[in-house]
């Protein structure tokens, strides 16, 4: 049995696909996201978080809300398998999801589910592959079996740092890729930005202890490709609006916005050069104009790849 905290698009999609095969309790604070699909009979919907008592709980809330949720309900969640289903870096602490879990619930199994996926695809039963990362090998094997379905295939790793940073950093690069397309800079520029953005992702992640093969996998390169090339990505759409000088619905969660600021601060402390991330953050914050950002990146010293 599985509990899911958060009935946004991703939490609801996971409830739909997992609920086709096993009992699921879905906690919704304000209502269930509309995916044009009915919840399976095995999914129990609740607005009372205290009734989510399953030993495995998926935390499908936005990254910047995760820490608060964990602190508020730490006593209830302690000792369970807690699987974060969000991507980003916490602005307040600079930590990723599993570190937040470990701080709030030290006796829990901390894991993260991440990778190239859109909620609508998962809910419709389209083939999707994700990364499940936890430092506990045995727990990872058990969770992999429990959370895999006929159409949702999980690959496991013990490299939580790499899985977390791949999922977080690609959102920032996706915003930048959206800016490129929104500004009419062309497909070649997007390909170059994705490639150099991936180099930045590796630079920071490896410095923080991630493994190169993790960044080259689903949670890194795979997720980067998806979010930089599809308008289903909220981060890409936000960047596209930014590049075109258009408005964007402030009610839509764009994880890459907060992540950009957190990563710039983290990279500065480590003295790691991340020019695309820095320009994305400055553009989001209004500290530079689009022409200034383009000029800054294109006038950087020439060097070896």
C-alpha atoms as a PDB file:
ATOM      1  CA  UNK A   1       0.000   0.000   0.000  1.00  0.00           C
ATOM      2  CA  UNK A   2       1.183   3.478  -0.902  1.00  0.00           C
ATOM      3  CA  UNK A   3       0.375   6.946   0.367  1.00  0.00           C
ATOM      4  CA  UNK A   4       0.841  10.057  -1.759  1.00  0.00           C
ATOM      5  CA  UNK A   5       1.014  13.533  -0.251  1.00  0.00           C
ATOM      6  CA  UNK A   6       0.093  16.100  -2.869  1.00  0.00           C
ATOM      7  CA  UNK A   7      -2.562  15.922  -5.571  1.00  0.00           C
ATOM      8  CA  UNK A   8      -1.007  18.218  -8.107  1.00  0.00           C
ATOM      9  CA  UNK A   9      -0.438  16.939 -11.631  1.00  0.00           C
ATOM     10  CA  UNK A  10       2.450  14.594 -10.774  1.00  0.00           C
ATOM     11  CA  UNK A  11       1.005  13.251  -7.525  1.00  0.00           C
ATOM     12  CA  UNK A  12      -2.340  12.589  -9.186  1.00  0.00           C
ATOM     13  CA  UNK A  13      -0.663  10.923 -12.171  1.00  0.00           C
ATOM     14  CA  UNK A  14       1.253   8.602  -9.847  1.00  0.00           C
ATOM     15  CA  UNK A  15      -1.972   7.795  -8.001  1.00  0.00           C
ATOM     16  CA  UNK A  16      -3.656   6.913 -11.290  1.00  0.00           C
ATOM     17  CA  UNK A  17      -0.907   4.630 -12.581  1.00  0.00           C
ATOM     18  CA  UNK A  18      -0.092   2.954  -9.243  1.00  0.00           C
ATOM     19  CA  UNK A  19      -3.761   2.725  -8.320  1.00  0.00           C
ATOM     20  CA  UNK A  20      -4.451   0.522 -11.303  1.00  0.00           C
ATOM     21  CA  UNK A  21      -2.515  -2.260  -9.567  1.00  0.00           C
ATOM     22  CA  UNK A  22      -2.551  -1.625  -5.775  1.00  0.00           C
ATOM     23  CA  UNK A  23      -4.297   0.409  -3.051  1.00  0.00           C
ATOM     24  CA  UNK A  24      -3.246   4.062  -2.872  1.00  0.00           C
ATOM     25  CA  UNK A  25      -4.227   6.856  -0.490  1.00  0.00           C
ATOM     26  CA  UNK A  26      -3.988  10.296  -2.107  1.00  0.00           C
ATOM     27  CA  UNK A  27      -3.934  13.338   0.166  1.00  0.00           C
ATOM     28  CA  UNK A  28      -5.177  16.533  -1.440  1.00  0.00           C
ATOM     29  CA  UNK A  29      -4.953  19.835   0.375  1.00  0.00           C
ATOM     30  CA  UNK A  30      -7.101  21.764  -2.104  1.00  0.00           C
ATOM     31  CA  UNK A  31      -8.388  19.298  -4.683  1.00  0.00           C
ATOM     32  CA  UNK A  32      -7.121  16.911  -7.326  1.00  0.00           C
ATOM     33  CA  UNK A  33      -5.383  18.062 -10.495  1.00  0.00           C
ATOM     34  CA  UNK A  34      -7.437  17.637 -13.651  1.00  0.00           C
ATOM     35  CA  UNK A  35      -5.835  15.080 -15.970  1.00  0.00           C
ATOM     36  CA  UNK A  36      -9.024  14.103 -17.834  1.00  0.00           C
ATOM     37  CA  UNK A  37      -8.840  10.663 -16.246  1.00  0.00           C
ATOM     38  CA  UNK A  38     -10.843   9.216 -13.374  1.00  0.00           C
ATOM     39  CA  UNK A  39      -9.092   7.911 -10.291  1.00  0.00           C
ATOM     40  CA  UNK A  40      -9.072   4.078 -10.209  1.00  0.00           C
ATOM     41  CA  UNK A  41     -11.282   2.368  -7.606  1.00  0.00           C
ATOM     42  CA  UNK A  42      -8.207   1.386  -5.577  1.00  0.00           C
ATOM     43  CA  UNK A  43      -7.348   5.067  -4.964  1.00  0.00           C
ATOM     44  CA  UNK A  44      -8.747   6.531  -1.747  1.00  0.00           C
ATOM     45  CA  UNK A  45      -8.888  10.335  -1.722  1.00  0.00           C
ATOM     46  CA  UNK A  46      -8.551  12.179   1.580  1.00  0.00           C
ATOM     47  CA  UNK A  47      -8.159  15.730   2.853  1.00  0.00           C
ATOM     48  CA  UNK A  48      -6.978  14.510   6.284  1.00  0.00           C
ATOM     49  CA  UNK A  49      -3.235  13.920   6.215  1.00  0.00           C
ATOM     50  CA  UNK A  50      -3.434  11.990   9.494  1.00  0.00           C
ATOM     51  CA  UNK A  51      -5.230   9.169   7.678  1.00  0.00           C
ATOM     52  CA  UNK A  52      -2.256   8.556   5.366  1.00  0.00           C
ATOM     53  CA  UNK A  53      -0.737   5.690   7.340  1.00  0.00           C
ATOM     54  CA  UNK A  54       0.937   3.612   4.621  1.00  0.00           C
ATOM     55  CA  UNK A  55       4.570   2.513   5.197  1.00  0.00           C
ATOM     56  CA  UNK A  56       5.621   4.002   1.837  1.00  0.00           C
ATOM     57  CA  UNK A  57       4.769   7.643   1.218  1.00  0.00           C
ATOM     58  CA  UNK A  58       5.439   9.604  -1.952  1.00  0.00           C
ATOM     59  CA  UNK A  59       6.017  13.313  -1.281  1.00  0.00           C
ATOM     60  CA  UNK A  60       4.567  14.963  -4.386  1.00  0.00           C
ATOM     61  CA  UNK A  61       4.656  18.601  -3.277  1.00  0.00           C
ATOM     62  CA  UNK A  62       6.652  21.506  -4.783  1.00  0.00           C
ATOM     63  CA  UNK A  63      10.304  21.621  -3.747  1.00  0.00           C
ATOM     64  CA  UNK A  64       9.996  24.865  -1.809  1.00  0.00           C
ATOM     65  CA  UNK A  65       7.063  23.420   0.173  1.00  0.00           C
ATOM     66  CA  UNK A  66       8.765  20.115   1.042  1.00  0.00           C
ATOM     67  CA  UNK A  67      10.740  21.301   4.054  1.00  0.00           C
ATOM     68  CA  UNK A  68       7.699  22.853   5.695  1.00  0.00           C
ATOM     69  CA  UNK A  69       5.584  19.742   5.113  1.00  0.00           C
ATOM     70  CA  UNK A  70       8.261  17.508   6.613  1.00  0.00           C
ATOM     71  CA  UNK A  71       8.757  19.689   9.673  1.00  0.00           C
ATOM     72  CA  UNK A  72       5.031  20.001  10.306  1.00  0.00           C
ATOM     73  CA  UNK A  73       4.353  16.267  10.052  1.00  0.00           C
ATOM     74  CA  UNK A  74       7.727  14.821  11.111  1.00  0.00           C
ATOM     75  CA  UNK A  75       6.327  12.753  13.982  1.00  0.00           C
ATOM     76  CA  UNK A  76       3.723  11.146  11.723  1.00  0.00           C
ATOM     77  CA  UNK A  77       6.161  10.399   8.883  1.00  0.00           C
ATOM     78  CA  UNK A  78       9.115   9.185  10.962  1.00  0.00           C
ATOM     79  CA  UNK A  79      10.302   5.633  10.301  1.00  0.00           C
ATOM     80  CA  UNK A  80       8.608   5.190   6.927  1.00  0.00           C
ATOM     81  CA  UNK A  81       9.971   5.027   3.394  1.00  0.00           C
ATOM     82  CA  UNK A  82       9.669   8.631   2.158  1.00  0.00           C
ATOM     83  CA  UNK A  83      10.111   9.151  -1.568  1.00  0.00           C
ATOM     84  CA  UNK A  84      10.462  12.748  -2.758  1.00  0.00           C
ATOM     85  CA  UNK A  85       8.828  13.414  -6.133  1.00  0.00           C
ATOM     86  CA  UNK A  86      10.011  16.991  -6.626  1.00  0.00           C
ATOM     87  CA  UNK A  87      13.029  18.545  -8.309  1.00  0.00           C
ATOM     88  CA  UNK A  88      15.059  21.440  -7.043  1.00  0.00           C
ATOM     89  CA  UNK A  89      17.227  22.919  -4.306  1.00  0.00           C
ATOM     90  CA  UNK A  90      15.714  24.304  -1.116  1.00  0.00           C
ATOM     91  CA  UNK A  91      16.249  28.071  -1.023  1.00  0.00           C
ATOM     92  CA  UNK A  92      16.410  28.234   2.757  1.00  0.00           C
ATOM     93  CA  UNK A  93      19.030  25.531   3.283  1.00  0.00           C
ATOM     94  CA  UNK A  94      20.616  24.796  -0.098  1.00  0.00           C
ATOM     95  CA  UNK A  95      19.726  21.129   0.414  1.00  0.00           C
ATOM     96  CA  UNK A  96      18.100  18.615  -1.902  1.00  0.00           C
ATOM     97  CA  UNK A  97      15.001  16.552  -1.073  1.00  0.00           C
ATOM     98  CA  UNK A  98      16.683  13.558   0.589  1.00  0.00           C
ATOM     99  CA  UNK A  99      18.716  15.798   2.912  1.00  0.00           C
ATOM    100  CA  UNK A 100      15.513  17.551   3.967  1.00  0.00           C
ATOM    101  CA  UNK A 101      13.910  14.170   4.656  1.00  0.00           C
ATOM    102  CA  UNK A 102      16.921  13.001   6.690  1.00  0.00           C
ATOM    103  CA  UNK A 103      16.905  16.176   8.778  1.00  0.00           C
ATOM    104  CA  UNK A 104      13.209  16.044   9.628  1.00  0.00           C
ATOM    105  CA  UNK A 105      12.836  12.249   9.904  1.00  0.00           C
ATOM    106  CA  UNK A 106      16.253  10.684  10.643  1.00  0.00           C
ATOM    107  CA  UNK A 107      14.833   7.163  11.035  1.00  0.00           C
ATOM    108  CA  UNK A 108      12.990   7.252   7.712  1.00  0.00           C
ATOM    109  CA  UNK A 109      14.295   5.800   4.465  1.00  0.00           C
ATOM    110  CA  UNK A 110      15.011   8.834   2.292  1.00  0.00           C
ATOM    111  CA  UNK A 111      14.596   8.371  -1.468  1.00  0.00           C
ATOM    112  CA  UNK A 112      13.851  10.396  -4.586  1.00  0.00           C
ATOM    113  CA  UNK A 113      11.923   9.515  -7.744  1.00  0.00           C
ATOM    114  CA  UNK A 114      13.018  11.617 -10.699  1.00  0.00           C
ATOM    115  CA  UNK A 115      13.659  11.559 -14.424  1.00  0.00           C
ATOM    116  CA  UNK A 116      12.154  12.467 -17.806  1.00  0.00           C
ATOM    117  CA  UNK A 117       8.391  12.403 -17.373  1.00  0.00           C
ATOM    118  CA  UNK A 118       5.251  14.418 -17.879  1.00  0.00           C
ATOM    119  CA  UNK A 119       2.308  13.789 -15.577  1.00  0.00           C
ATOM    120  CA  UNK A 120      -0.118  13.361 -18.471  1.00  0.00           C
ATOM    121  CA  UNK A 121       2.022  10.614 -20.039  1.00  0.00           C
ATOM    122  CA  UNK A 122       2.280   8.675 -16.782  1.00  0.00           C
ATOM    123  CA  UNK A 123      -1.459   8.961 -16.090  1.00  0.00           C
ATOM    124  CA  UNK A 124      -2.361   7.785 -19.599  1.00  0.00           C
ATOM    125  CA  UNK A 125      -0.190   4.706 -19.192  1.00  0.00           C
ATOM    126  CA  UNK A 126       2.387   5.704 -21.801  1.00  0.00           C
ATOM    127  CA  UNK A 127       5.795   4.006 -21.368  1.00  0.00           C
ATOM    128  CA  UNK A 128       7.956   6.012 -18.972  1.00  0.00           C
ATOM    129  CA  UNK A 129      11.294   5.289 -17.277  1.00  0.00           C
ATOM    130  CA  UNK A 130      12.457   7.033 -14.106  1.00  0.00           C
ATOM    131  CA  UNK A 131      15.338   6.927 -11.646  1.00  0.00           C
ATOM    132  CA  UNK A 132      14.760   5.843  -8.046  1.00  0.00           C
ATOM    133  CA  UNK A 133      17.639   6.917  -5.819  1.00  0.00           C
ATOM    134  CA  UNK A 134      18.277   5.970  -2.206  1.00  0.00           C
ATOM    135  CA  UNK A 135      21.461   5.293  -0.262  1.00  0.00           C
ATOM    136  CA  UNK A 136      19.932   2.109   1.171  1.00  0.00           C
ATOM    137  CA  UNK A 137      20.470  -0.597  -1.460  1.00  0.00           C
ATOM    138  CA  UNK A 138      18.020  -3.102   0.050  1.00  0.00           C
ATOM    139  CA  UNK A 139      15.324  -0.469   0.515  1.00  0.00           C
ATOM    140  CA  UNK A 140      15.917   0.674  -3.061  1.00  0.00           C
ATOM    141  CA  UNK A 141      15.285  -2.812  -4.397  1.00  0.00           C
ATOM    142  CA  UNK A 142      12.045  -3.099  -2.416  1.00  0.00           C
ATOM    143  CA  UNK A 143      10.819   0.329  -3.520  1.00  0.00           C
ATOM    144  CA  UNK A 144      11.759  -0.404  -7.124  1.00  0.00           C
ATOM    145  CA  UNK A 145       9.515  -3.477  -7.101  1.00  0.00           C
ATOM    146  CA  UNK A 146       6.708  -1.692  -5.283  1.00  0.00           C
ATOM    147  CA  UNK A 147       6.615   1.413  -7.474  1.00  0.00           C
ATOM    148  CA  UNK A 148       7.205  -0.111 -10.913  1.00  0.00           C
ATOM    149  CA  UNK A 149       4.144  -0.854 -13.033  1.00  0.00           C
ATOM    150  CA  UNK A 150       3.448  -2.343 -16.439  1.00  0.00           C
ATOM    151  CA  UNK A 151       4.196   1.038 -18.051  1.00  0.00           C
ATOM    152  CA  UNK A 152       6.349   2.793 -15.423  1.00  0.00           C
ATOM    153  CA  UNK A 153       9.860   1.320 -15.362  1.00  0.00           C
ATOM    154  CA  UNK A 154      12.209   2.333 -12.551  1.00  0.00           C
ATOM    155  CA  UNK A 155      16.001   2.143 -12.575  1.00  0.00           C
ATOM    156  CA  UNK A 156      17.616   2.407  -9.164  1.00  0.00           C
ATOM    157  CA  UNK A 157      20.834   4.028  -7.960  1.00  0.00           C
ATOM    158  CA  UNK A 158      22.455   4.815  -4.620  1.00  0.00           C
ATOM    159  CA  UNK A 159      23.689   8.159  -5.985  1.00  0.00           C
ATOM    160  CA  UNK A 160      21.076  10.452  -4.451  1.00  0.00           C
ATOM    161  CA  UNK A 161      23.261  13.530  -5.008  1.00  0.00           C
ATOM    162  CA  UNK A 162      23.508  12.931  -8.742  1.00  0.00           C
ATOM    163  CA  UNK A 163      19.827  12.090  -9.142  1.00  0.00           C
ATOM    164  CA  UNK A 164      18.759  15.167  -7.193  1.00  0.00           C
ATOM    165  CA  UNK A 165      21.087  17.602  -8.910  1.00  0.00           C
ATOM    166  CA  UNK A 166      20.313  16.267 -12.376  1.00  0.00           C
ATOM    167  CA  UNK A 167      16.609  16.860 -11.822  1.00  0.00           C
ATOM    168  CA  UNK A 168      17.164  20.262 -10.231  1.00  0.00           C
ATOM    169  CA  UNK A 169      19.736  21.753 -12.582  1.00  0.00           C
ATOM    170  CA  UNK A 170      18.015  20.708 -15.795  1.00  0.00           C
ATOM    171  CA  UNK A 171      15.053  22.931 -14.844  1.00  0.00           C
ATOM    172  CA  UNK A 172      17.287  25.998 -14.941  1.00  0.00           C
ATOM    173  CA  UNK A 173      18.723  24.999 -18.317  1.00  0.00           C
ATOM    174  CA  UNK A 174      15.176  24.359 -19.569  1.00  0.00           C
ATOM    175  CA  UNK A 175      14.233  27.941 -18.700  1.00  0.00           C
ATOM    176  CA  UNK A 176      17.266  29.149 -20.645  1.00  0.00           C
ATOM    177  CA  UNK A 177      16.334  26.913 -23.596  1.00  0.00           C
ATOM    178  CA  UNK A 178      12.848  28.379 -23.540  1.00  0.00           C
ATOM    179  CA  UNK A 179      14.333  31.879 -23.603  1.00  0.00           C
ATOM    180  CA  UNK A 180      16.335  30.945 -26.699  1.00  0.00           C
ATOM    181  CA  UNK A 181      13.249  29.746 -28.567  1.00  0.00           C
ATOM    182  CA  UNK A 182      11.016  32.541 -27.292  1.00  0.00           C
ATOM    183  CA  UNK A 183      13.548  35.133 -28.436  1.00  0.00           C
ATOM    184  CA  UNK A 184      13.774  33.542 -31.898  1.00  0.00           C
ATOM    185  CA  UNK A 185      17.452  32.630 -31.581  1.00  0.00           C
ATOM    186  CA  UNK A 186      16.997  29.322 -33.396  1.00  0.00           C
ATOM    187  CA  UNK A 187      17.377  25.575 -32.986  1.00  0.00           C
ATOM    188  CA  UNK A 188      21.164  25.651 -33.329  1.00  0.00           C
ATOM    189  CA  UNK A 189      21.413  28.035 -30.393  1.00  0.00           C
ATOM    190  CA  UNK A 190      19.168  25.768 -28.325  1.00  0.00           C
ATOM    191  CA  UNK A 191      21.350  22.740 -29.092  1.00  0.00           C
ATOM    192  CA  UNK A 192      24.467  24.665 -28.101  1.00  0.00           C
ATOM    193  CA  UNK A 193      22.845  25.910 -24.904  1.00  0.00           C
ATOM    194  CA  UNK A 194      21.699  22.418 -23.919  1.00  0.00           C
ATOM    195  CA  UNK A 195      25.200  21.038 -24.481  1.00  0.00           C
ATOM    196  CA  UNK A 196      26.982  23.773 -22.549  1.00  0.00           C
ATOM    197  CA  UNK A 197      24.251  23.659 -19.908  1.00  0.00           C
ATOM    198  CA  UNK A 198      24.879  19.952 -19.460  1.00  0.00           C
ATOM    199  CA  UNK A 199      28.573  20.730 -18.946  1.00  0.00           C
ATOM    200  CA  UNK A 200      27.556  23.120 -16.144  1.00  0.00           C
ATOM    201  CA  UNK A 201      25.337  20.463 -14.582  1.00  0.00           C
ATOM    202  CA  UNK A 202      28.237  18.015 -14.534  1.00  0.00           C
ATOM    203  CA  UNK A 203      30.673  20.600 -13.199  1.00  0.00           C
ATOM    204  CA  UNK A 204      28.619  21.340 -10.101  1.00  0.00           C
ATOM    205  CA  UNK A 205      27.241  17.863  -9.513  1.00  0.00           C
ATOM    206  CA  UNK A 206      30.621  16.133  -9.690  1.00  0.00           C
ATOM    207  CA  UNK A 207      32.101  18.726  -7.325  1.00  0.00           C
ATOM    208  CA  UNK A 208      29.349  17.869  -4.835  1.00  0.00           C
ATOM    209  CA  UNK A 209      30.022  14.137  -5.008  1.00  0.00           C
ATOM    210  CA  UNK A 210      27.722  12.925  -7.783  1.00  0.00           C
ATOM    211  CA  UNK A 211      28.745  10.206 -10.223  1.00  0.00           C
ATOM    212  CA  UNK A 212      29.206  11.000 -13.904  1.00  0.00           C
ATOM    213  CA  UNK A 213      27.131   7.992 -14.986  1.00  0.00           C
ATOM    214  CA  UNK A 214      24.151   9.291 -12.996  1.00  0.00           C
ATOM    215  CA  UNK A 215      24.290  12.642 -14.794  1.00  0.00           C
ATOM    216  CA  UNK A 216      24.478  10.772 -18.116  1.00  0.00           C
ATOM    217  CA  UNK A 217      21.357   8.780 -17.226  1.00  0.00           C
ATOM    218  CA  UNK A 218      17.635   9.342 -16.964  1.00  0.00           C
ATOM    219  CA  UNK A 219      17.756  11.820 -14.089  1.00  0.00           C
ATOM    220  CA  UNK A 220      20.327  14.013 -15.846  1.00  0.00           C
ATOM    221  CA  UNK A 221      20.693  13.955 -19.608  1.00  0.00           C
ATOM    222  CA  UNK A 222      17.361  12.232 -20.185  1.00  0.00           C
ATOM    223  CA  UNK A 223      15.413  14.799 -18.194  1.00  0.00           C
ATOM    224  CA  UNK A 224      17.398  17.654 -19.739  1.00  0.00           C
ATOM    225  CA  UNK A 225      16.471  16.587 -23.273  1.00  0.00           C
ATOM    226  CA  UNK A 226      12.779  16.289 -22.429  1.00  0.00           C
ATOM    227  CA  UNK A 227      12.367  19.580 -20.610  1.00  0.00           C
ATOM    228  CA  UNK A 228      14.420  21.624 -23.056  1.00  0.00           C
ATOM    229  CA  UNK A 229      12.467  20.484 -26.103  1.00  0.00           C
ATOM    230  CA  UNK A 230       8.803  20.267 -25.120  1.00  0.00           C
ATOM    231  CA  UNK A 231       6.198  22.905 -24.418  1.00  0.00           C
ATOM    232  CA  UNK A 232       4.666  20.511 -21.899  1.00  0.00           C
ATOM    233  CA  UNK A 233       7.516  21.591 -19.614  1.00  0.00           C
ATOM    234  CA  UNK A 234       6.474  24.464 -17.358  1.00  0.00           C
ATOM    235  CA  UNK A 235      10.096  25.578 -17.049  1.00  0.00           C
ATOM    236  CA  UNK A 236      10.499  25.684 -20.822  1.00  0.00           C
ATOM    237  CA  UNK A 237       7.204  27.545 -21.282  1.00  0.00           C
ATOM    238  CA  UNK A 238       8.176  30.073 -18.641  1.00  0.00           C
ATOM    239  CA  UNK A 239      11.517  30.684 -20.377  1.00  0.00           C
ATOM    240  CA  UNK A 240       9.754  30.936 -23.720  1.00  0.00           C
ATOM    241  CA  UNK A 241       7.492  33.670 -22.338  1.00  0.00           C
ATOM    242  CA  UNK A 242      10.507  35.414 -20.819  1.00  0.00           C
ATOM    243  CA  UNK A 243      12.346  35.347 -24.146  1.00  0.00           C
ATOM    244  CA  UNK A 244       9.332  36.654 -26.025  1.00  0.00           C
ATOM    245  CA  UNK A 245       8.637  39.387 -23.478  1.00  0.00           C
ATOM    246  CA  UNK A 246       5.220  37.871 -22.766  1.00  0.00           C
ATOM    247  CA  UNK A 247       3.363  37.361 -19.501  1.00  0.00           C
ATOM    248  CA  UNK A 248       3.223  34.059 -17.634  1.00  0.00           C
ATOM    249  CA  UNK A 249       0.601  32.787 -15.193  1.00  0.00           C
ATOM    250  CA  UNK A 250       2.069  33.370 -11.699  1.00  0.00           C
ATOM    251  CA  UNK A 251      -0.079  30.551 -10.311  1.00  0.00           C
ATOM    252  CA  UNK A 252       1.891  27.962 -12.305  1.00  0.00           C
ATOM    253  CA  UNK A 253       4.726  26.362 -10.317  1.00  0.00           C
ATOM    254  CA  UNK A 254       8.083  26.851 -12.071  1.00  0.00           C
ATOM    255  CA  UNK A 255      10.649  25.011  -9.945  1.00  0.00           C
ATOM    256  CA  UNK A 256      13.593  26.303 -11.963  1.00  0.00           C
ATOM    257  CA  UNK A 257      13.059  29.903 -10.836  1.00  0.00           C
ATOM    258  CA  UNK A 258      13.918  29.281  -7.185  1.00  0.00           C
ATOM    259  CA  UNK A 259      16.449  26.614  -8.117  1.00  0.00           C
ATOM    260  CA  UNK A 260      18.398  29.108 -10.258  1.00  0.00           C
ATOM    261  CA  UNK A 261      18.879  31.440  -7.293  1.00  0.00           C
ATOM    262  CA  UNK A 262      19.815  28.593  -4.946  1.00  0.00           C
ATOM    263  CA  UNK A 263      22.295  27.106  -7.421  1.00  0.00           C
ATOM    264  CA  UNK A 264      23.986  30.434  -8.155  1.00  0.00           C
ATOM    265  CA  UNK A 265      24.628  30.846  -4.426  1.00  0.00           C
ATOM    266  CA  UNK A 266      25.832  27.251  -4.115  1.00  0.00           C
ATOM    267  CA  UNK A 267      28.172  27.573  -7.111  1.00  0.00           C
ATOM    268  CA  UNK A 268      29.590  30.840  -5.766  1.00  0.00           C
ATOM    269  CA  UNK A 269      30.480  29.197  -2.453  1.00  0.00           C
ATOM    270  CA  UNK A 270      32.263  26.425  -4.350  1.00  0.00           C
ATOM    271  CA  UNK A 271      33.833  28.857  -6.868  1.00  0.00           C
ATOM    272  CA  UNK A 272      32.318  26.888  -9.765  1.00  0.00           C
ATOM    273  CA  UNK A 273      31.745  28.702 -13.063  1.00  0.00           C
ATOM    274  CA  UNK A 274      28.122  28.365 -14.269  1.00  0.00           C
ATOM    275  CA  UNK A 275      27.570  31.200 -16.779  1.00  0.00           C
ATOM    276  CA  UNK A 276      24.274  29.964 -18.275  1.00  0.00           C
ATOM    277  CA  UNK A 277      22.759  29.401 -14.847  1.00  0.00           C
ATOM    278  CA  UNK A 278      23.989  32.807 -13.665  1.00  0.00           C
ATOM    279  CA  UNK A 279      22.503  34.588 -16.679  1.00  0.00           C
ATOM    280  CA  UNK A 280      19.211  32.691 -16.338  1.00  0.00           C
ATOM    281  CA  UNK A 281      18.967  33.761 -12.705  1.00  0.00           C
ATOM    282  CA  UNK A 282      19.824  37.376 -13.518  1.00  0.00           C
ATOM    283  CA  UNK A 283      17.270  37.433 -16.346  1.00  0.00           C
ATOM    284  CA  UNK A 284      14.553  35.932 -14.139  1.00  0.00           C
ATOM    285  CA  UNK A 285      15.306  38.482 -11.430  1.00  0.00           C
ATOM    286  CA  UNK A 286      15.378  41.393 -13.874  1.00  0.00           C
ATOM    287  CA  UNK A 287      19.003  42.309 -13.173  1.00  0.00           C
ATOM    288  CA  UNK A 288      19.903  42.040 -16.866  1.00  0.00           C
ATOM    289  CA  UNK A 289      18.022  42.475 -20.122  1.00  0.00           C
ATOM    290  CA  UNK A 290      17.860  39.739 -22.728  1.00  0.00           C
ATOM    291  CA  UNK A 291      20.324  41.523 -25.083  1.00  0.00           C
ATOM    292  CA  UNK A 292      22.735  41.955 -22.159  1.00  0.00           C
ATOM    293  CA  UNK A 293      22.475  38.264 -21.227  1.00  0.00           C
ATOM    294  CA  UNK A 294      23.107  37.159 -24.820  1.00  0.00           C
ATOM    295  CA  UNK A 295      26.071  39.522 -25.187  1.00  0.00           C
ATOM    296  CA  UNK A 296      27.585  38.379 -21.885  1.00  0.00           C
ATOM    297  CA  UNK A 297      27.478  34.712 -22.895  1.00  0.00           C
ATOM    298  CA  UNK A 298      28.690  35.205 -26.462  1.00  0.00           C
ATOM    299  CA  UNK A 299      31.601  37.461 -25.445  1.00  0.00           C
ATOM    300  CA  UNK A 300      33.112  34.998 -22.976  1.00  0.00           C
ATOM    301  CA  UNK A 301      36.774  34.067 -23.679  1.00  0.00           C
ATOM    302  CA  UNK A 302      37.290  31.346 -26.267  1.00  0.00           C
ATOM    303  CA  UNK A 303      38.499  28.027 -24.847  1.00  0.00           C
ATOM    304  CA  UNK A 304      38.762  24.292 -25.431  1.00  0.00           C
ATOM    305  CA  UNK A 305      35.586  22.257 -25.133  1.00  0.00           C
END
